[in-house]
PDB file of all heavy atoms in Angstrom:
ATOM      1  N   VAL A   1     -11.529 -16.837   1.662  1.00  0.00           N
ATOM      2  CA  VAL A   1     -11.229 -16.273   0.344  1.00  0.00           C
ATOM      3  C   VAL A   1     -11.931 -14.917   0.179  1.00  0.00           C
ATOM      4  O   VAL A   1     -11.370 -14.000  -0.431  1.00  0.00           O
ATOM      5  CB  VAL A   1     -11.640 -17.260  -0.768  1.00  0.00           C
ATOM      6  CG1 VAL A   1     -11.560 -16.610  -2.141  1.00  0.00           C
ATOM      7  CG2 VAL A   1     -10.742 -18.493  -0.719  1.00  0.00           C
ATOM      8  N   CYS A   2     -13.139 -14.771   0.727  1.00  0.00           N
ATOM      9  CA  CYS A   2     -13.849 -13.487   0.637  1.00  0.00           C
ATOM     10  C   CYS A   2     -13.060 -12.373   1.327  1.00  0.00           C
ATOM     11  O   CYS A   2     -13.056 -11.224   0.865  1.00  0.00           O
ATOM     12  CB  CYS A   2     -15.243 -13.599   1.244  1.00  0.00           C
ATOM     13  SG  CYS A   2     -16.450 -14.407   0.158  1.00  0.00           S
ATOM     14  N   VAL A   3     -12.406 -12.701   2.434  1.00  0.00           N
ATOM     15  CA  VAL A   3     -11.585 -11.702   3.124  1.00  0.00           C
ATOM     16  C   VAL A   3     -10.443 -11.247   2.226  1.00  0.00           C
ATOM     17  O   VAL A   3     -10.133 -10.052   2.133  1.00  0.00           O
ATOM     18  CB  VAL A   3     -11.036 -12.272   4.452  1.00  0.00           C
ATOM     19  CG1 VAL A   3     -10.027 -11.307   5.062  1.00  0.00           C
ATOM     20  CG2 VAL A   3     -12.171 -12.525   5.435  1.00  0.00           C
ATOM     21  N   ILE A   4      -9.825 -12.190   1.518  1.00  0.00           N
ATOM     22  CA  ILE A   4      -8.723 -11.833   0.616  1.00  0.00           C
ATOM     23  C   ILE A   4      -9.252 -11.032  -0.579  1.00  0.00           C
ATOM     24  O   ILE A   4      -8.550 -10.177  -1.121  1.00  0.00           O
ATOM     25  CB  ILE A   4      -7.975 -13.094   0.125  1.00  0.00           C
ATOM     26  CG1 ILE A   4      -7.518 -13.935   1.315  1.00  0.00           C
ATOM     27  CG2 ILE A   4      -6.761 -12.703  -0.706  1.00  0.00           C
ATOM     28  CD1 ILE A   4      -6.577 -13.214   2.266  1.00  0.00           C
ATOM     29  N   PHE A   5     -10.497 -11.269  -0.969  1.00  0.00           N
ATOM     30  CA  PHE A   5     -11.092 -10.453  -2.034  1.00  0.00           C
ATOM     31  C   PHE A   5     -11.201  -8.986  -1.595  1.00  0.00           C
ATOM     32  O   PHE A   5     -11.120  -8.081  -2.428  1.00  0.00           O
ATOM     33  CB  PHE A   5     -12.461 -10.998  -2.433  1.00  0.00           C
ATOM     34  CG  PHE A   5     -12.417 -11.962  -3.592  1.00  0.00           C
ATOM     35  CD1 PHE A   5     -12.612 -13.318  -3.405  1.00  0.00           C
ATOM     36  CD2 PHE A   5     -12.168 -11.503  -4.876  1.00  0.00           C
ATOM     37  CE1 PHE A   5     -12.570 -14.209  -4.473  1.00  0.00           C
ATOM     38  CE2 PHE A   5     -12.120 -12.377  -5.961  1.00  0.00           C
ATOM     39  CZ  PHE A   5     -12.313 -13.741  -5.753  1.00  0.00           C
ATOM     40  N   LEU A   6     -11.410  -8.746  -0.298  1.00  0.00           N
ATOM     41  CA  LEU A   6     -11.417  -7.369   0.207  1.00  0.00           C
ATOM     42  C   LEU A   6     -10.034  -6.734   0.049  1.00  0.00           C
ATOM     43  O   LEU A   6      -9.904  -5.567  -0.309  1.00  0.00           O
ATOM     44  CB  LEU A   6     -11.836  -7.343   1.680  1.00  0.00           C
ATOM     45  CG  LEU A   6     -13.303  -7.668   1.984  1.00  0.00           C
ATOM     46  CD1 LEU A   6     -13.538  -7.736   3.491  1.00  0.00           C
ATOM     47  CD2 LEU A   6     -14.226  -6.633   1.357  1.00  0.00           C
ATOM     48  N   VAL A   7      -8.987  -7.524   0.326  1.00  0.00           N
ATOM     49  CA  VAL A   7      -7.617  -7.047   0.130  1.00  0.00           C
ATOM     50  C   VAL A   7      -7.368  -6.759  -1.348  1.00  0.00           C
ATOM     51  O   VAL A   7      -6.776  -5.740  -1.716  1.00  0.00           O
ATOM     52  CB  VAL A   7      -6.598  -8.090   0.646  1.00  0.00           C
ATOM     53  CG1 VAL A   7      -5.169  -7.637   0.355  1.00  0.00           C
ATOM     54  CG2 VAL A   7      -6.783  -8.333   2.134  1.00  0.00           C
ATOM     55  N   SER A   8      -7.859  -7.654  -2.213  1.00  0.00           N
ATOM     56  CA  SER A   8      -7.712  -7.459  -3.654  1.00  0.00           C
ATOM     57  C   SER A   8      -8.413  -6.185  -4.108  1.00  0.00           C
ATOM     58  O   SER A   8      -7.907  -5.449  -4.969  1.00  0.00           O
ATOM     59  CB  SER A   8      -8.291  -8.665  -4.403  1.00  0.00           C
ATOM     60  OG  SER A   8      -8.196  -8.493  -5.800  1.00  0.00           O
ATOM     61  N   ALA A   9      -9.584  -5.900  -3.513  1.00  0.00           N
ATOM     62  CA  ALA A   9     -10.304  -4.670  -3.848  1.00  0.00           C
ATOM     63  C   ALA A   9      -9.483  -3.438  -3.476  1.00  0.00           C
ATOM     64  O   ALA A   9      -9.439  -2.453  -4.217  1.00  0.00           O
ATOM     65  CB  ALA A   9     -11.657  -4.641  -3.139  1.00  0.00           C
ATOM     66  N   ALA A  10      -8.799  -3.513  -2.324  1.00  0.00           N
ATOM     67  CA  ALA A  10      -7.934  -2.396  -1.908  1.00  0.00           C
ATOM     68  C   ALA A  10      -6.785  -2.198  -2.900  1.00  0.00           C
ATOM     69  O   ALA A  10      -6.428  -1.067  -3.252  1.00  0.00           O
ATOM     70  CB  ALA A  10      -7.384  -2.656  -0.504  1.00  0.00           C
ATOM     71  N   GLU A  11      -6.208  -3.310  -3.358  1.00  0.00           N
ATOM     72  CA  GLU A  11      -5.139  -3.227  -4.362  1.00  0.00           C
ATOM     73  C   GLU A  11      -5.660  -2.625  -5.664  1.00  0.00           C
ATOM     74  O   GLU A  11      -4.975  -1.818  -6.310  1.00  0.00           O
ATOM     75  CB  GLU A  11      -4.560  -4.619  -4.629  1.00  0.00           C
ATOM     76  CG  GLU A  11      -3.729  -5.177  -3.500  1.00  0.00           C
ATOM     77  CD  GLU A  11      -3.066  -6.487  -3.882  1.00  0.00           C
ATOM     78  OE1 GLU A  11      -2.953  -6.778  -5.094  1.00  0.00           O
ATOM     79  OE2 GLU A  11      -2.648  -7.234  -2.977  1.00  0.00           O
ATOM     80  N   THR A  12      -6.858  -3.020  -6.042  1.00  0.00           N
ATOM     81  CA  THR A  12      -7.443  -2.513  -7.283  1.00  0.00           C
ATOM     82  C   THR A  12      -7.699  -1.012  -7.195  1.00  0.00           C
ATOM     83  O   THR A  12      -7.464  -0.272  -8.163  1.00  0.00           O
ATOM     84  CB  THR A  12      -8.760  -3.256  -7.593  1.00  0.00           C
ATOM     85  OG1 THR A  12      -8.480  -4.647  -7.765  1.00  0.00           O
ATOM     86  CG2 THR A  12      -9.414  -2.723  -8.854  1.00  0.00           C
ATOM     87  N   ILE A  13      -8.168  -0.561  -6.035  1.00  0.00           N
ATOM     88  CA  ILE A  13      -8.339   0.879  -5.831  1.00  0.00           C
ATOM     89  C   ILE A  13      -7.003   1.586  -6.004  1.00  0.00           C
ATOM     90  O   ILE A  13      -6.909   2.625  -6.673  1.00  0.00           O
ATOM     91  CB  ILE A  13      -8.931   1.169  -4.434  1.00  0.00           C
ATOM     92  CG1 ILE A  13     -10.383   0.680  -4.357  1.00  0.00           C
ATOM     93  CG2 ILE A  13      -8.864   2.664  -4.115  1.00  0.00           C
ATOM     94  CD1 ILE A  13     -10.975   0.738  -2.962  1.00  0.00           C
ATOM     95  N   GLY A  14      -5.944   0.999  -5.428  1.00  0.00           N
ATOM     96  CA  GLY A  14      -4.613   1.586  -5.552  1.00  0.00           C
ATOM     97  C   GLY A  14      -4.117   1.586  -6.980  1.00  0.00           C
ATOM     98  O   GLY A  14      -3.599   2.603  -7.478  1.00  0.00           O
ATOM     99  N   ASP A  15      -4.253   0.453  -7.665  1.00  0.00           N
ATOM    100  CA  ASP A  15      -3.798   0.349  -9.063  1.00  0.00           C
ATOM    101  C   ASP A  15      -4.548   1.330  -9.962  1.00  0.00           C
ATOM    102  O   ASP A  15      -3.955   2.003 -10.808  1.00  0.00           O
ATOM    103  CB  ASP A  15      -4.008  -1.080  -9.591  1.00  0.00           C
ATOM    104  CG  ASP A  15      -2.930  -2.040  -9.111  1.00  0.00           C
ATOM    105  OD1 ASP A  15      -1.862  -1.555  -8.696  1.00  0.00           O
ATOM    106  OD2 ASP A  15      -3.159  -3.254  -9.150  1.00  0.00           O
ATOM    107  N   THR A  16      -5.871   1.385  -9.790  1.00  0.00           N
ATOM    108  CA  THR A  16      -6.686   2.272 -10.626  1.00  0.00           C
ATOM    109  C   THR A  16      -6.338   3.731 -10.370  1.00  0.00           C
ATOM    110  O   THR A  16      -6.201   4.526 -11.306  1.00  0.00           O
ATOM    111  CB  THR A  16      -8.189   2.027 -10.363  1.00  0.00           C
ATOM    112  OG1 THR A  16      -8.480   0.637 -10.498  1.00  0.00           O
ATOM    113  CG2 THR A  16      -9.045   2.807 -11.348  1.00  0.00           C
ATOM    114  N   SER A  17      -6.175   4.085  -9.097  1.00  0.00           N
ATOM    115  CA  SER A  17      -5.807   5.462  -8.741  1.00  0.00           C
ATOM    116  C   SER A  17      -4.445   5.825  -9.309  1.00  0.00           C
ATOM    117  O   SER A  17      -4.246   6.920  -9.846  1.00  0.00           O
ATOM    118  CB  SER A  17      -5.796   5.625  -7.214  1.00  0.00           C
ATOM    119  OG  SER A  17      -7.052   5.328  -6.651  1.00  0.00           O
ATOM    120  N   ALA A  18      -3.485   4.886  -9.201  1.00  0.00           N
ATOM    121  CA  ALA A  18      -2.126   5.141  -9.701  1.00  0.00           C
ATOM    122  C   ALA A  18      -2.114   5.270 -11.219  1.00  0.00           C
ATOM    123  O   ALA A  18      -1.406   6.122 -11.775  1.00  0.00           O
ATOM    124  CB  ALA A  18      -1.191   4.019  -9.265  1.00  0.00           C
ATOM    125  N   MET A  19      -2.904   4.429 -11.901  1.00  0.00           N
ATOM    126  CA  MET A  19      -2.946   4.480 -13.359  1.00  0.00           C
ATOM    127  C   MET A  19      -3.497   5.828 -13.839  1.00  0.00           C
ATOM    128  O   MET A  19      -2.951   6.455 -14.747  1.00  0.00           O
ATOM    129  CB  MET A  19      -3.829   3.344 -13.880  1.00  0.00           C
ATOM    130  CG  MET A  19      -3.581   2.946 -15.328  1.00  0.00           C
ATOM    131  SD  MET A  19      -4.022   4.180 -16.527  1.00  0.00           S
ATOM    132  CE  MET A  19      -5.751   4.404 -16.140  1.00  0.00           C
ATOM    133  N   VAL A  20      -4.569   6.286 -13.208  1.00  0.00           N
ATOM    134  CA  VAL A  20      -5.188   7.553 -13.604  1.00  0.00           C
ATOM    135  C   VAL A  20      -4.266   8.728 -13.280  1.00  0.00           C
ATOM    136  O   VAL A  20      -4.098   9.639 -14.094  1.00  0.00           O
ATOM    137  CB  VAL A  20      -6.557   7.724 -12.905  1.00  0.00           C
ATOM    138  CG1 VAL A  20      -7.117   9.108 -13.161  1.00  0.00           C
ATOM    139  CG2 VAL A  20      -7.545   6.667 -13.407  1.00  0.00           C
ATOM    140  N   ALA A  21      -3.635   8.679 -12.101  1.00  0.00           N
ATOM    141  CA  ALA A  21      -2.746   9.773 -11.703  1.00  0.00           C
ATOM    142  C   ALA A  21      -1.498   9.823 -12.582  1.00  0.00           C
ATOM    143  O   ALA A  21      -1.081  10.889 -13.046  1.00  0.00           O
ATOM    144  CB  ALA A  21      -2.348   9.620 -10.233  1.00  0.00           C
ATOM    145  N   GLY A  22      -0.898   8.636 -12.840  1.00  0.00           N
ATOM    146  CA  GLY A  22       0.346   8.595 -13.605  1.00  0.00           C
ATOM    147  C   GLY A  22       0.159   8.654 -15.108  1.00  0.00           C
ATOM    148  O   GLY A  22       1.013   9.178 -15.830  1.00  0.00           O
ATOM    149  N   GLY A  23      -0.970   8.112 -15.597  1.00  0.00           N
ATOM    150  CA  GLY A  23      -1.177   8.050 -17.043  1.00  0.00           C
ATOM    151  C   GLY A  23      -2.058   9.143 -17.603  1.00  0.00           C
ATOM    152  O   GLY A  23      -1.851   9.599 -18.729  1.00  0.00           O
ATOM    153  N   LEU A  24      -3.056   9.579 -16.805  1.00  0.00           N
ATOM    154  CA  LEU A  24      -4.015  10.576 -17.297  1.00  0.00           C
ATOM    155  C   LEU A  24      -3.896  11.916 -16.578  1.00  0.00           C
ATOM    156  O   LEU A  24      -4.600  12.869 -16.914  1.00  0.00           O
ATOM    157  CB  LEU A  24      -5.445  10.034 -17.145  1.00  0.00           C
ATOM    158  CG  LEU A  24      -5.745   8.723 -17.888  1.00  0.00           C
ATOM    159  CD1 LEU A  24      -7.168   8.254 -17.597  1.00  0.00           C
ATOM    160  CD2 LEU A  24      -5.534   8.874 -19.387  1.00  0.00           C
ATOM    161  N   ASN A  25      -3.031  11.965 -15.556  1.00  0.00           N
ATOM    162  CA  ASN A  25      -2.761  13.214 -14.828  1.00  0.00           C
ATOM    163  C   ASN A  25      -4.025  13.864 -14.258  1.00  0.00           C
ATOM    164  O   ASN A  25      -4.249  15.057 -14.402  1.00  0.00           O
ATOM    165  CB  ASN A  25      -2.030  14.221 -15.738  1.00  0.00           C
ATOM    166  CG  ASN A  25      -0.694  13.701 -16.204  1.00  0.00           C
ATOM    167  OD1 ASN A  25       0.084  13.198 -15.394  1.00  0.00           O
ATOM    168  ND2 ASN A  25      -0.438  13.795 -17.498  1.00  0.00           N
ATOM    169  N   ARG A  26      -4.859  13.053 -13.645  1.00  0.00           N
ATOM    170  CA  ARG A  26      -6.061  13.568 -12.986  1.00  0.00           C
ATOM    171  C   ARG A  26      -6.429  12.628 -11.852  1.00  0.00           C
ATOM    172  O   ARG A  26      -5.788  11.595 -11.648  1.00  0.00           O
ATOM    173  CB  ARG A  26      -7.218  13.690 -13.979  1.00  0.00           C
ATOM    174  CG  ARG A  26      -7.658  12.371 -14.619  1.00  0.00           C
ATOM    175  CD  ARG A  26      -8.931  12.559 -15.408  1.00  0.00           C
ATOM    176  NE  ARG A  26      -9.335  11.385 -16.163  1.00  0.00           N
ATOM    177  CZ  ARG A  26      -9.989  10.339 -15.659  1.00  0.00           C
ATOM    178  NH1 ARG A  26     -10.280  10.319 -14.362  1.00  0.00           N
ATOM    179  NH2 ARG A  26     -10.334   9.318 -16.415  1.00  0.00           N
TER     180      ARG A  26
END
């Protein structure tokens, strides 16, 4: 499960980056 948490962290980095880029334009 800890290994999958690493995958989840990668998804979170992607989601957070996409939200800031698409919603806040930075």
